[in-house]
C-alpha cells in the first residue's frame, strides 16, 4: 500500500506501512538498495514528511535477527522531508526507548546512517481498520 500524507495533518500517514504483527525481518534492505520516503527539499515549501511504520513486535526473531535489517555497502532506509521531521516508527521497542536494541533494529544501522532517522517506539499497533471501515461499507461496521 502506498499513500501520500498531507503536510497539514497531525496524524502520521505512512508511505511505507508494514503490518506483520510478529514477523522477523519485517523490513530487510541490502545489496546496495535504497528506500527513501518523503521529499528531501529545503526550498521555501517544506517537503512532504516521510513516514515508515513497522508493526512487528519481533516475537518471531531468533539469534541476531531484528524487525529492521539494513545491511551492506550503499544500503539505506531514509524517511525524508528536508527539515528533519521524517519518522520511522517501530512497535517492537518498549515505550520510551531512545535507541534500537536486540530484536528492534541494529543500532549500528542508525549510527552508520543506513537507517534514518532514529526509529521511535509507537507504543501501539498500526491498523487498517479506519481505511477498511470507511471504504468497505459493510453493514457490520459502525457508522
N, C-alpha and C. Protein backbone atom coordinates (compact mmCIF):
# COMPACT_ATOMS: atom_id res chain seq x y z
N UNK A 1 0.85 -1.16 0.00
CA UNK A 1 0.00 0.00 0.00
C UNK A 1 0.91 1.23 0.00
N UNK A 2 0.68 2.15 -0.89
CA UNK A 2 1.42 3.40 -0.92
C UNK A 2 0.43 4.54 -0.82
N UNK A 3 0.71 5.47 0.09
CA UNK A 3 -0.16 6.63 0.27
C UNK A 3 0.71 7.86 0.42
N UNK A 4 0.13 9.01 0.27
CA UNK A 4 0.87 10.26 0.45
C UNK A 4 0.20 11.07 1.54
N UNK A 5 0.98 11.58 2.45
CA UNK A 5 0.45 12.34 3.56
C UNK A 5 0.34 13.82 3.18
N UNK A 6 -0.62 14.50 3.74
CA UNK A 6 -0.72 15.95 3.56
C UNK A 6 0.10 16.61 4.67
N UNK A 7 0.73 17.73 4.38
CA UNK A 7 1.59 18.38 5.36
C UNK A 7 0.80 19.04 6.47
N UNK A 8 -0.51 19.17 6.35
CA UNK A 8 -1.31 19.82 7.38
C UNK A 8 -1.90 18.84 8.38
N UNK A 9 -1.76 17.55 8.15
CA UNK A 9 -2.34 16.56 9.05
C UNK A 9 -1.49 16.40 10.30
N UNK A 10 -2.16 16.17 11.44
CA UNK A 10 -1.45 15.89 12.68
C UNK A 10 -1.15 14.41 12.82
N UNK A 11 -1.93 13.55 12.17
CA UNK A 11 -1.73 12.12 12.21
C UNK A 11 -0.70 11.76 11.14
N UNK A 12 0.25 10.92 11.51
CA UNK A 12 1.26 10.50 10.53
C UNK A 12 0.69 9.42 9.63
N UNK A 13 0.69 9.65 8.34
CA UNK A 13 0.23 8.67 7.37
C UNK A 13 1.45 8.04 6.73
N UNK A 14 1.64 6.73 6.91
CA UNK A 14 2.84 6.09 6.40
C UNK A 14 2.86 5.98 4.88
N UNK A 15 4.04 6.20 4.32
CA UNK A 15 4.27 5.94 2.91
C UNK A 15 4.70 4.48 2.74
N UNK A 16 5.34 3.93 3.77
CA UNK A 16 5.73 2.52 3.79
C UNK A 16 5.19 1.97 5.10
N UNK A 17 4.24 1.04 5.00
CA UNK A 17 3.49 0.56 6.16
C UNK A 17 3.53 -0.95 6.17
N UNK A 18 4.27 -1.55 7.10
CA UNK A 18 4.44 -2.99 7.17
C UNK A 18 3.68 -3.52 8.38
N UNK A 19 2.62 -4.29 8.13
CA UNK A 19 1.65 -4.64 9.17
C UNK A 19 1.82 -6.04 9.76
N UNK A 20 2.86 -6.78 9.44
CA UNK A 20 3.07 -8.12 10.00
C UNK A 20 3.24 -8.01 11.52
N UNK A 21 2.34 -8.58 12.32
CA UNK A 21 2.38 -8.36 13.77
C UNK A 21 3.50 -9.05 14.53
N UNK A 22 4.06 -10.14 14.00
CA UNK A 22 5.09 -10.86 14.74
C UNK A 22 6.34 -11.16 13.92
N UNK A 23 6.32 -10.84 12.64
CA UNK A 23 7.36 -11.26 11.70
C UNK A 23 8.74 -10.71 11.96
N UNK A 24 9.69 -11.44 11.43
CA UNK A 24 11.09 -11.07 11.52
C UNK A 24 11.74 -11.58 10.24
N UNK A 25 12.28 -10.88 9.45
CA UNK A 25 12.58 -9.46 9.44
C UNK A 25 11.45 -8.76 8.66
N UNK A 26 10.79 -7.76 9.27
CA UNK A 26 9.70 -7.05 8.63
C UNK A 26 10.15 -6.18 7.48
N UNK A 27 11.30 -5.55 7.64
CA UNK A 27 11.88 -4.70 6.59
C UNK A 27 13.34 -5.10 6.44
N UNK A 28 13.70 -5.64 5.29
CA UNK A 28 15.05 -6.14 5.03
C UNK A 28 15.57 -5.48 3.76
N UNK A 29 16.55 -4.59 3.92
CA UNK A 29 17.12 -3.87 2.79
C UNK A 29 18.62 -4.17 2.74
N UNK A 30 19.10 -4.61 1.60
CA UNK A 30 20.51 -4.95 1.46
C UNK A 30 20.95 -4.87 0.01
N UNK A 31 22.19 -5.26 -0.22
CA UNK A 31 22.71 -5.30 -1.59
C UNK A 31 22.81 -3.94 -2.25
N UNK A 32 22.98 -2.88 -1.45
CA UNK A 32 23.10 -1.54 -2.01
C UNK A 32 21.78 -0.86 -2.32
N UNK A 33 20.66 -1.51 -1.97
CA UNK A 33 19.33 -0.93 -2.25
C UNK A 33 19.09 0.29 -1.36
N UNK A 34 18.36 1.26 -1.87
CA UNK A 34 17.99 2.46 -1.14
C UNK A 34 16.47 2.58 -1.11
N UNK A 35 15.90 2.75 0.09
CA UNK A 35 14.48 3.01 0.25
C UNK A 35 14.35 4.39 0.87
N UNK A 36 13.76 5.32 0.13
CA UNK A 36 13.58 6.68 0.63
C UNK A 36 12.12 7.05 0.51
N UNK A 37 11.55 7.58 1.60
CA UNK A 37 10.16 8.03 1.58
C UNK A 37 10.11 9.49 1.96
N UNK A 38 9.16 10.21 1.39
CA UNK A 38 9.06 11.65 1.62
C UNK A 38 9.86 12.39 0.57
N UNK A 39 9.84 13.71 0.67
CA UNK A 39 10.61 14.53 -0.26
C UNK A 39 11.72 15.23 0.50
N UNK A 40 12.87 15.29 -0.09
CA UNK A 40 14.03 15.92 0.53
C UNK A 40 14.23 17.28 -0.13
N UNK A 41 13.60 18.29 0.43
CA UNK A 41 13.72 19.61 -0.14
C UNK A 41 13.88 20.63 0.97
N UNK A 42 14.65 21.63 0.73
CA UNK A 42 14.81 22.71 1.72
C UNK A 42 14.38 24.03 1.09
N UNK A 43 13.53 23.96 0.09
CA UNK A 43 13.02 25.16 -0.56
C UNK A 43 12.08 25.89 0.39
N UNK A 44 11.46 26.94 -0.06
CA UNK A 44 10.57 27.71 0.81
C UNK A 44 9.38 26.89 1.30
N UNK A 45 8.97 25.88 0.53
CA UNK A 45 7.89 24.99 0.95
C UNK A 45 8.54 23.74 1.52
N UNK A 46 8.25 23.39 2.77
CA UNK A 46 8.85 22.19 3.35
C UNK A 46 8.46 20.95 2.56
N UNK A 47 9.29 19.95 2.62
CA UNK A 47 9.00 18.70 1.94
C UNK A 47 7.85 17.97 2.61
N UNK A 48 7.36 16.94 1.94
CA UNK A 48 6.33 16.08 2.50
C UNK A 48 7.02 15.12 3.46
N UNK A 49 6.57 15.05 4.72
CA UNK A 49 7.23 14.17 5.68
C UNK A 49 7.20 12.72 5.25
N UNK A 50 8.34 12.07 5.30
CA UNK A 50 8.42 10.65 5.01
C UNK A 50 8.13 9.88 6.28
N UNK A 51 7.21 8.91 6.20
CA UNK A 51 6.83 8.13 7.38
C UNK A 51 6.91 6.65 7.03
N UNK A 52 7.66 5.90 7.85
CA UNK A 52 7.78 4.45 7.74
C UNK A 52 7.27 3.86 9.05
N UNK A 53 6.35 2.90 8.98
CA UNK A 53 5.81 2.26 10.18
C UNK A 53 5.96 0.75 10.06
N UNK A 54 6.50 0.13 11.12
CA UNK A 54 6.64 -1.33 11.19
C UNK A 54 5.90 -1.83 12.42
N UNK A 55 4.96 -2.75 12.20
CA UNK A 55 4.06 -3.19 13.25
C UNK A 55 4.54 -4.43 14.00
N UNK A 56 5.61 -5.07 13.59
CA UNK A 56 6.05 -6.31 14.22
C UNK A 56 6.55 -6.09 15.64
N UNK A 57 6.18 -7.02 16.52
CA UNK A 57 6.72 -6.98 17.89
C UNK A 57 8.04 -7.74 17.98
N UNK A 58 8.45 -8.37 16.90
CA UNK A 58 9.72 -9.09 16.87
C UNK A 58 9.71 -10.42 17.60
N UNK A 59 8.54 -10.92 17.99
CA UNK A 59 8.47 -12.14 18.78
C UNK A 59 8.92 -13.38 18.01
N UNK A 60 8.96 -13.34 16.69
CA UNK A 60 9.44 -14.48 15.91
C UNK A 60 10.91 -14.33 15.51
N UNK A 61 11.59 -13.31 16.03
CA UNK A 61 13.01 -13.12 15.74
C UNK A 61 13.85 -14.12 16.52
N UNK A 62 14.86 -14.68 15.88
CA UNK A 62 15.78 -15.60 16.53
C UNK A 62 17.21 -15.13 16.30
N UNK A 63 18.12 -15.61 17.11
CA UNK A 63 19.55 -15.27 17.02
C UNK A 63 19.73 -13.76 17.04
N UNK A 64 20.41 -13.22 16.03
CA UNK A 64 20.69 -11.79 15.97
C UNK A 64 19.73 -11.04 15.04
N UNK A 65 18.63 -11.68 14.66
CA UNK A 65 17.68 -11.05 13.74
C UNK A 65 16.89 -9.95 14.46
N UNK A 66 16.43 -8.98 13.67
CA UNK A 66 15.64 -7.87 14.21
C UNK A 66 14.53 -7.52 13.24
N UNK A 67 13.58 -6.70 13.68
CA UNK A 67 12.44 -6.35 12.84
C UNK A 67 12.86 -5.52 11.63
N UNK A 68 13.98 -4.79 11.74
CA UNK A 68 14.51 -4.00 10.64
C UNK A 68 15.95 -4.38 10.41
N UNK A 69 16.30 -4.69 9.17
CA UNK A 69 17.67 -5.00 8.82
C UNK A 69 18.08 -4.17 7.61
N UNK A 70 19.09 -3.33 7.79
CA UNK A 70 19.62 -2.53 6.68
C UNK A 70 21.13 -2.81 6.65
N UNK A 71 21.52 -3.73 5.77
CA UNK A 71 22.91 -4.18 5.73
C UNK A 71 23.49 -4.09 4.34
N UNK A 72 24.80 -3.95 4.28
CA UNK A 72 25.50 -3.93 3.02
C UNK A 72 25.88 -2.53 2.57
N UNK A 73 27.00 -2.45 1.89
CA UNK A 73 27.51 -1.17 1.41
C UNK A 73 26.48 -0.49 0.51
N UNK A 74 26.21 0.77 0.80
CA UNK A 74 25.29 1.57 -0.02
C UNK A 74 23.82 1.36 0.29
N UNK A 75 23.49 0.44 1.20
CA UNK A 75 22.08 0.19 1.53
C UNK A 75 21.57 1.28 2.47
N UNK A 76 20.27 1.58 2.38
CA UNK A 76 19.72 2.58 3.28
C UNK A 76 18.21 2.62 3.29
N UNK A 77 17.66 3.03 4.44
CA UNK A 77 16.24 3.34 4.60
C UNK A 77 16.19 4.72 5.21
N UNK A 78 15.61 5.68 4.48
CA UNK A 78 15.60 7.07 4.94
C UNK A 78 14.21 7.67 4.82
N UNK A 79 13.73 8.21 5.94
CA UNK A 79 12.47 8.96 5.95
C UNK A 79 12.87 10.43 5.86
N UNK A 80 12.51 11.08 4.77
CA UNK A 80 12.99 12.42 4.45
C UNK A 80 11.88 13.47 4.53
N UNK A 81 12.28 14.71 4.61
CA UNK A 81 11.38 15.83 4.36
C UNK A 81 12.13 17.15 4.24
N UNK A 82 13.42 17.14 4.44
CA UNK A 82 14.21 18.35 4.27
C UNK A 82 14.32 19.21 5.49
N UNK A 83 13.45 19.02 6.48
CA UNK A 83 13.52 19.83 7.70
C UNK A 83 13.61 18.98 8.96
N UNK A 84 13.92 17.71 8.83
CA UNK A 84 14.18 16.86 9.98
C UNK A 84 12.98 16.25 10.67
N UNK A 85 11.81 16.19 10.00
CA UNK A 85 10.67 15.58 10.65
C UNK A 85 10.24 14.27 10.01
N UNK A 86 11.12 13.63 9.25
CA UNK A 86 10.84 12.29 8.79
C UNK A 86 10.68 11.39 10.01
N UNK A 87 10.00 10.24 9.86
CA UNK A 87 9.67 9.42 11.02
C UNK A 87 9.74 7.94 10.67
N UNK A 88 10.44 7.17 11.50
CA UNK A 88 10.43 5.71 11.41
C UNK A 88 9.86 5.22 12.73
N UNK A 89 8.67 4.61 12.68
CA UNK A 89 8.01 4.13 13.88
C UNK A 89 8.05 2.62 13.96
N UNK A 90 8.46 2.10 15.12
CA UNK A 90 8.52 0.66 15.35
C UNK A 90 7.65 0.30 16.55
N UNK A 91 6.92 -0.81 16.45
CA UNK A 91 6.14 -1.29 17.58
C UNK A 91 7.02 -2.08 18.55
N UNK A 92 8.08 -2.72 18.07
CA UNK A 92 8.90 -3.63 18.87
C UNK A 92 9.55 -3.00 20.10
N UNK A 93 10.11 -1.79 20.04
CA UNK A 93 10.77 -1.26 21.24
C UNK A 93 9.79 -0.98 22.37
N UNK A 94 10.31 -1.01 23.57
CA UNK A 94 9.50 -0.63 24.73
C UNK A 94 9.16 0.85 24.63
N UNK A 95 7.95 1.26 25.03
CA UNK A 95 7.63 2.69 25.02
C UNK A 95 8.67 3.46 25.83
N UNK A 96 9.13 4.57 25.30
CA UNK A 96 10.13 5.38 25.97
C UNK A 96 11.56 5.04 25.59
N UNK A 97 11.78 3.95 24.84
CA UNK A 97 13.14 3.59 24.42
C UNK A 97 13.70 4.70 23.55
N UNK A 98 15.00 4.96 23.67
CA UNK A 98 15.60 6.04 22.89
C UNK A 98 16.52 5.52 21.78
N UNK A 99 16.75 4.21 21.73
CA UNK A 99 17.54 3.65 20.64
C UNK A 99 17.14 2.20 20.41
N UNK A 100 17.53 1.68 19.27
CA UNK A 100 17.23 0.29 18.92
C UNK A 100 18.15 -0.66 19.68
N UNK A 101 17.59 -1.75 20.14
CA UNK A 101 18.38 -2.82 20.77
C UNK A 101 17.73 -4.15 20.43
N UNK A 102 18.53 -5.20 20.50
CA UNK A 102 18.01 -6.56 20.32
C UNK A 102 17.18 -6.75 19.08
N UNK A 103 15.94 -7.20 19.27
CA UNK A 103 15.08 -7.53 18.13
C UNK A 103 14.43 -6.32 17.48
N UNK A 104 14.61 -5.10 18.03
CA UNK A 104 14.01 -3.88 17.45
C UNK A 104 14.66 -3.59 16.10
N UNK A 105 15.92 -3.22 16.14
CA UNK A 105 16.73 -3.00 14.95
C UNK A 105 18.18 -2.90 15.39
N UNK A 106 19.08 -3.00 14.45
CA UNK A 106 20.50 -2.94 14.78
C UNK A 106 20.92 -1.48 14.96
N UNK A 107 21.40 -1.10 16.16
CA UNK A 107 21.76 0.31 16.39
C UNK A 107 22.87 0.80 15.47
N UNK A 108 23.71 -0.11 14.96
CA UNK A 108 24.78 0.35 14.06
C UNK A 108 24.22 0.88 12.75
N UNK A 109 23.02 0.42 12.35
CA UNK A 109 22.40 0.94 11.15
C UNK A 109 22.07 2.42 11.29
N UNK A 110 21.67 2.83 12.49
CA UNK A 110 21.38 4.25 12.76
C UNK A 110 22.69 5.03 12.84
N UNK A 111 23.65 4.49 13.59
CA UNK A 111 24.94 5.15 13.77
C UNK A 111 25.65 5.36 12.43
N UNK A 112 25.56 4.37 11.54
CA UNK A 112 26.22 4.44 10.23
C UNK A 112 25.43 5.23 9.20
N UNK A 113 24.22 5.68 9.55
CA UNK A 113 23.40 6.46 8.62
C UNK A 113 22.64 5.64 7.62
N UNK A 114 22.58 4.31 7.81
CA UNK A 114 21.81 3.47 6.88
C UNK A 114 20.33 3.51 7.19
N UNK A 115 19.96 3.76 8.46
CA UNK A 115 18.57 3.85 8.89
C UNK A 115 18.38 5.19 9.57
N UNK A 116 17.66 6.08 8.89
CA UNK A 116 17.46 7.44 9.42
C UNK A 116 16.03 7.89 9.22
N UNK A 117 15.47 8.62 10.17
CA UNK A 117 16.04 9.00 11.45
C UNK A 117 15.99 7.83 12.43
N UNK A 118 16.49 8.07 13.65
CA UNK A 118 16.43 7.07 14.72
C UNK A 118 14.98 6.61 14.87
N UNK A 119 14.72 5.29 14.79
CA UNK A 119 13.35 4.81 14.98
C UNK A 119 12.80 5.19 16.35
N UNK A 120 11.49 5.42 16.37
CA UNK A 120 10.77 5.82 17.58
C UNK A 120 9.75 4.74 17.93
N UNK A 121 9.66 4.35 19.21
CA UNK A 121 8.63 3.38 19.59
C UNK A 121 7.24 3.99 19.41
N UNK A 122 6.33 3.22 18.80
CA UNK A 122 4.98 3.73 18.58
C UNK A 122 4.07 3.49 19.77
N UNK A 123 4.34 2.43 20.55
CA UNK A 123 3.52 2.15 21.72
C UNK A 123 2.18 1.52 21.42
N UNK A 124 1.81 1.47 20.15
CA UNK A 124 0.54 0.83 19.77
C UNK A 124 0.67 0.28 18.37
N UNK A 125 -0.13 -0.72 18.10
CA UNK A 125 -0.11 -1.34 16.77
C UNK A 125 -0.75 -0.43 15.73
N UNK A 126 -0.25 -0.53 14.52
CA UNK A 126 -0.89 0.13 13.38
C UNK A 126 -2.07 -0.74 12.96
N UNK A 127 -3.00 -0.16 12.28
CA UNK A 127 -4.15 -0.94 11.81
C UNK A 127 -4.74 -0.29 10.57
N UNK A 128 -5.31 -1.14 9.72
CA UNK A 128 -6.00 -0.66 8.52
C UNK A 128 -7.48 -0.42 8.80
N UNK A 129 -7.94 -0.66 10.01
CA UNK A 129 -9.37 -0.63 10.31
C UNK A 129 -10.05 0.66 9.85
N UNK A 130 -9.45 1.80 10.11
CA UNK A 130 -10.09 3.07 9.72
C UNK A 130 -10.31 3.14 8.21
N UNK A 131 -9.34 2.70 7.44
CA UNK A 131 -9.47 2.71 5.98
C UNK A 131 -10.50 1.68 5.55
N UNK A 132 -10.41 0.47 6.12
CA UNK A 132 -11.37 -0.58 5.77
C UNK A 132 -12.79 -0.17 6.10
N UNK A 133 -12.99 0.41 7.27
CA UNK A 133 -14.33 0.82 7.67
C UNK A 133 -14.87 1.92 6.77
N UNK A 134 -14.04 2.83 6.38
CA UNK A 134 -14.51 3.95 5.57
C UNK A 134 -14.87 3.52 4.16
N UNK A 135 -14.06 2.64 3.56
CA UNK A 135 -14.26 2.33 2.14
C UNK A 135 -14.88 0.96 1.87
N UNK A 136 -15.03 0.11 2.87
CA UNK A 136 -15.59 -1.20 2.63
C UNK A 136 -17.10 -1.22 2.75
N UNK A 137 -17.67 -0.31 3.53
CA UNK A 137 -19.11 -0.11 3.64
C UNK A 137 -19.87 -1.38 4.00
N UNK A 138 -19.35 -2.16 4.91
CA UNK A 138 -20.08 -3.34 5.36
C UNK A 138 -21.08 -2.93 6.42
N UNK A 139 -22.20 -3.60 6.45
CA UNK A 139 -23.26 -3.23 7.41
C UNK A 139 -22.81 -3.48 8.85
N UNK A 140 -21.83 -4.34 9.09
CA UNK A 140 -21.38 -4.62 10.45
C UNK A 140 -20.46 -3.53 11.02
N UNK A 141 -20.00 -2.61 10.19
CA UNK A 141 -19.13 -1.53 10.66
C UNK A 141 -19.97 -0.42 11.28
N UNK A 142 -19.46 0.19 12.34
CA UNK A 142 -20.20 1.32 12.92
C UNK A 142 -20.21 2.50 11.96
N UNK A 143 -21.22 3.34 12.09
CA UNK A 143 -21.30 4.50 11.19
C UNK A 143 -20.27 5.55 11.54
